[in-house]
Amino acid sequence: MDKRLWEIQQRISKEHKDLGKFVQHVLDEFDKKTDEHRRLSSSNALAGIKTPGIAEKAFYDTVTETKKWVLDVLERTVQDFEHSGDKHWNKNFKDGVKE
């Protein structure tokens, strides 16, 4: 996922670099929360509190899918920036993007 973000960030123009930085911060926060969850689950397991495996799987699957979704939105936004002014481009977002 880091490679995909890096590739998208290379396509972002200089004046929109903050957009890529914002997404990086969001993904970093997901990683922090995932680590906190892992530590909590581990300490609960040591205390004899077992979390159902299906709940753990759902948590990690949700985080992974959300991170992919955030990257998809960034990529579509960058595409709209790249095609700004192209009258033949079908915008990914109806409200468009501002230069």
C-alpha atoms as a PDB file:
ATOM      1  CA  MET A   1       0.000   0.000   0.000  1.00  0.00           C
ATOM      2  CA  ASP A   2       2.932   2.332   0.692  1.00  0.00           C
ATOM      3  CA  LYS A   3       4.196   1.809  -2.863  1.00  0.00           C
ATOM      4  CA  ARG A   4       0.799   2.723  -4.315  1.00  0.00           C
ATOM      5  CA  LEU A   5       0.619   5.892  -2.205  1.00  0.00           C
ATOM      6  CA  TRP A   6       4.154   6.839  -3.262  1.00  0.00           C
ATOM      7  CA  GLU A   7       3.248   6.344  -6.934  1.00  0.00           C
ATOM      8  CA  ILE A   8       0.130   8.501  -6.576  1.00  0.00           C
ATOM      9  CA  GLN A   9       2.086  11.192  -4.719  1.00  0.00           C
ATOM     10  CA  GLN A  10       4.551  11.376  -7.628  1.00  0.00           C
ATOM     11  CA  ARG A  11       1.672  12.308  -9.915  1.00  0.00           C
ATOM     12  CA  ILE A  12       0.345  15.109  -7.674  1.00  0.00           C
ATOM     13  CA  SER A  13       1.316  18.564  -8.850  1.00  0.00           C
ATOM     14  CA  LYS A  14       3.371  20.793  -6.562  1.00  0.00           C
ATOM     15  CA  GLU A  15       0.444  22.974  -5.487  1.00  0.00           C
ATOM     16  CA  HIS A  16      -1.590  19.925  -4.369  1.00  0.00           C
ATOM     17  CA  LYS A  17       1.127  18.026  -2.441  1.00  0.00           C
ATOM     18  CA  ASP A  18      -0.764  18.693   0.817  1.00  0.00           C
ATOM     19  CA  LEU A  19      -3.490  16.351  -0.395  1.00  0.00           C
ATOM     20  CA  GLY A  20      -1.046  13.455  -0.565  1.00  0.00           C
ATOM     21  CA  LYS A  21       0.397  14.379   2.827  1.00  0.00           C
ATOM     22  CA  PHE A  22      -3.098  14.359   4.346  1.00  0.00           C
ATOM     23  CA  VAL A  23      -3.768  10.863   3.019  1.00  0.00           C
ATOM     24  CA  GLN A  24      -0.386   9.714   4.357  1.00  0.00           C
ATOM     25  CA  HIS A  25      -1.359  11.018   7.803  1.00  0.00           C
ATOM     26  CA  VAL A  26      -4.714   9.219   7.638  1.00  0.00           C
ATOM     27  CA  LEU A  27      -3.075   5.925   6.693  1.00  0.00           C
ATOM     28  CA  ASP A  28      -0.481   6.370   9.457  1.00  0.00           C
ATOM     29  CA  GLU A  29      -3.301   6.829  11.970  1.00  0.00           C
ATOM     30  CA  PHE A  30      -4.934   3.607  10.764  1.00  0.00           C
ATOM     31  CA  ASP A  31      -1.616   1.849  11.376  1.00  0.00           C
ATOM     32  CA  LYS A  32      -1.379   3.319  14.891  1.00  0.00           C
ATOM     33  CA  LYS A  33      -4.930   2.266  15.743  1.00  0.00           C
ATOM     34  CA  THR A  34      -4.301  -1.213  14.368  1.00  0.00           C
ATOM     35  CA  ASP A  35      -1.201  -1.521  16.538  1.00  0.00           C
ATOM     36  CA  GLU A  36      -3.145  -0.315  19.603  1.00  0.00           C
ATOM     37  CA  HIS A  37      -5.839  -2.891  18.854  1.00  0.00           C
ATOM     38  CA  ARG A  38      -3.239  -5.640  18.525  1.00  0.00           C
ATOM     39  CA  ARG A  39      -1.671  -4.695  21.863  1.00  0.00           C
ATOM     40  CA  LEU A  40      -5.067  -4.583  23.587  1.00  0.00           C
ATOM     41  CA  SER A  41      -6.020  -7.968  22.157  1.00  0.00           C
ATOM     42  CA  SER A  42      -2.702  -9.406  23.311  1.00  0.00           C
ATOM     43  CA  SER A  43      -3.077  -8.094  26.855  1.00  0.00           C
ATOM     44  CA  ASN A  44      -6.673  -9.341  26.956  1.00  0.00           C
ATOM     45  CA  ALA A  45      -5.492 -12.771  25.824  1.00  0.00           C
ATOM     46  CA  LEU A  46      -2.909 -12.831  28.622  1.00  0.00           C
ATOM     47  CA  ALA A  47      -5.700 -11.991  31.071  1.00  0.00           C
ATOM     48  CA  GLY A  48      -7.784 -14.865  29.724  1.00  0.00           C
ATOM     49  CA  ILE A  49     -10.203 -12.721  27.724  1.00  0.00           C
ATOM     50  CA  LYS A  50     -10.489 -14.280  24.289  1.00  0.00           C
ATOM     51  CA  THR A  51     -11.728 -12.258  21.330  1.00  0.00           C
ATOM     52  CA  PRO A  52     -13.557 -14.351  18.730  1.00  0.00           C
ATOM     53  CA  GLY A  53     -11.433 -14.929  15.649  1.00  0.00           C
ATOM     54  CA  ILE A  54     -14.223 -13.747  13.370  1.00  0.00           C
ATOM     55  CA  ALA A  55     -14.256 -10.377  15.157  1.00  0.00           C
ATOM     56  CA  GLU A  56     -10.500 -10.013  14.720  1.00  0.00           C
ATOM     57  CA  LYS A  57     -10.743 -10.906  11.041  1.00  0.00           C
ATOM     58  CA  ALA A  58     -13.565  -8.411  10.550  1.00  0.00           C
ATOM     59  CA  PHE A  59     -11.519  -5.669  12.215  1.00  0.00           C
ATOM     60  CA  TYR A  60      -8.426  -6.210  10.091  1.00  0.00           C
ATOM     61  CA  ASP A  61     -10.451  -6.687   6.885  1.00  0.00           C
ATOM     62  CA  THR A  62     -12.317  -3.434   7.550  1.00  0.00           C
ATOM     63  CA  VAL A  63      -9.096  -1.507   8.135  1.00  0.00           C
ATOM     64  CA  THR A  64      -7.531  -2.927   4.965  1.00  0.00           C
ATOM     65  CA  GLU A  65     -10.583  -2.168   2.831  1.00  0.00           C
ATOM     66  CA  THR A  66     -10.875   1.360   4.238  1.00  0.00           C
ATOM     67  CA  LYS A  67      -7.221   2.082   3.463  1.00  0.00           C
ATOM     68  CA  LYS A  68      -7.750   0.851  -0.111  1.00  0.00           C
ATOM     69  CA  TRP A  69     -10.859   3.008  -0.391  1.00  0.00           C
ATOM     70  CA  VAL A  70      -8.970   6.118   0.777  1.00  0.00           C
ATOM     71  CA  LEU A  71      -6.248   5.459  -1.815  1.00  0.00           C
ATOM     72  CA  ASP A  72      -8.884   4.937  -4.531  1.00  0.00           C
ATOM     73  CA  VAL A  73     -10.464   8.308  -3.716  1.00  0.00           C
ATOM     74  CA  LEU A  74      -7.046  10.002  -3.791  1.00  0.00           C
ATOM     75  CA  GLU A  75      -6.240   8.415  -7.132  1.00  0.00           C
ATOM     76  CA  ARG A  76      -9.539   9.509  -8.687  1.00  0.00           C
ATOM     77  CA  THR A  77      -9.029  13.028  -7.319  1.00  0.00           C
ATOM     78  CA  VAL A  78      -5.542  13.182  -8.827  1.00  0.00           C
ATOM     79  CA  GLN A  79      -6.980  11.992 -12.149  1.00  0.00           C
ATOM     80  CA  ASP A  80      -9.451  14.890 -12.053  1.00  0.00           C
ATOM     81  CA  PHE A  81      -6.569  17.300 -11.355  1.00  0.00           C
ATOM     82  CA  GLU A  82      -4.557  15.823 -14.230  1.00  0.00           C
ATOM     83  CA  HIS A  83      -7.459  16.242 -16.637  1.00  0.00           C
ATOM     84  CA  SER A  84      -8.501  19.690 -15.465  1.00  0.00           C
ATOM     85  CA  GLY A  85      -9.560  21.696 -18.509  1.00  0.00           C
ATOM     86  CA  ASP A  86     -10.039  18.595 -20.691  1.00  0.00           C
ATOM     87  CA  LYS A  87     -13.562  18.898 -22.043  1.00  0.00           C
ATOM     88  CA  HIS A  88     -13.628  15.208 -23.043  1.00  0.00           C
ATOM     89  CA  TRP A  89     -12.797  13.959 -19.538  1.00  0.00           C
ATOM     90  CA  ASN A  90     -15.679  12.478 -17.563  1.00  0.00           C
ATOM     91  CA  LYS A  91     -15.115  13.756 -14.040  1.00  0.00           C
ATOM     92  CA  ASN A  92     -14.825  11.217 -11.244  1.00  0.00           C
ATOM     93  CA  PHE A  93     -16.600  13.627  -8.912  1.00  0.00           C
ATOM     94  CA  LYS A  94     -19.581  15.686 -10.032  1.00  0.00           C
ATOM     95  CA  ASP A  95     -18.484  18.759  -8.069  1.00  0.00           C
ATOM     96  CA  GLY A  96     -15.072  18.554  -9.732  1.00  0.00           C
ATOM     97  CA  VAL A  97     -11.825  19.845  -8.302  1.00  0.00           C
ATOM     98  CA  LYS A  98     -10.543  23.403  -8.003  1.00  0.00           C
ATOM     99  CA  GLU A  99      -7.105  24.418  -9.210  1.00  0.00           C
END
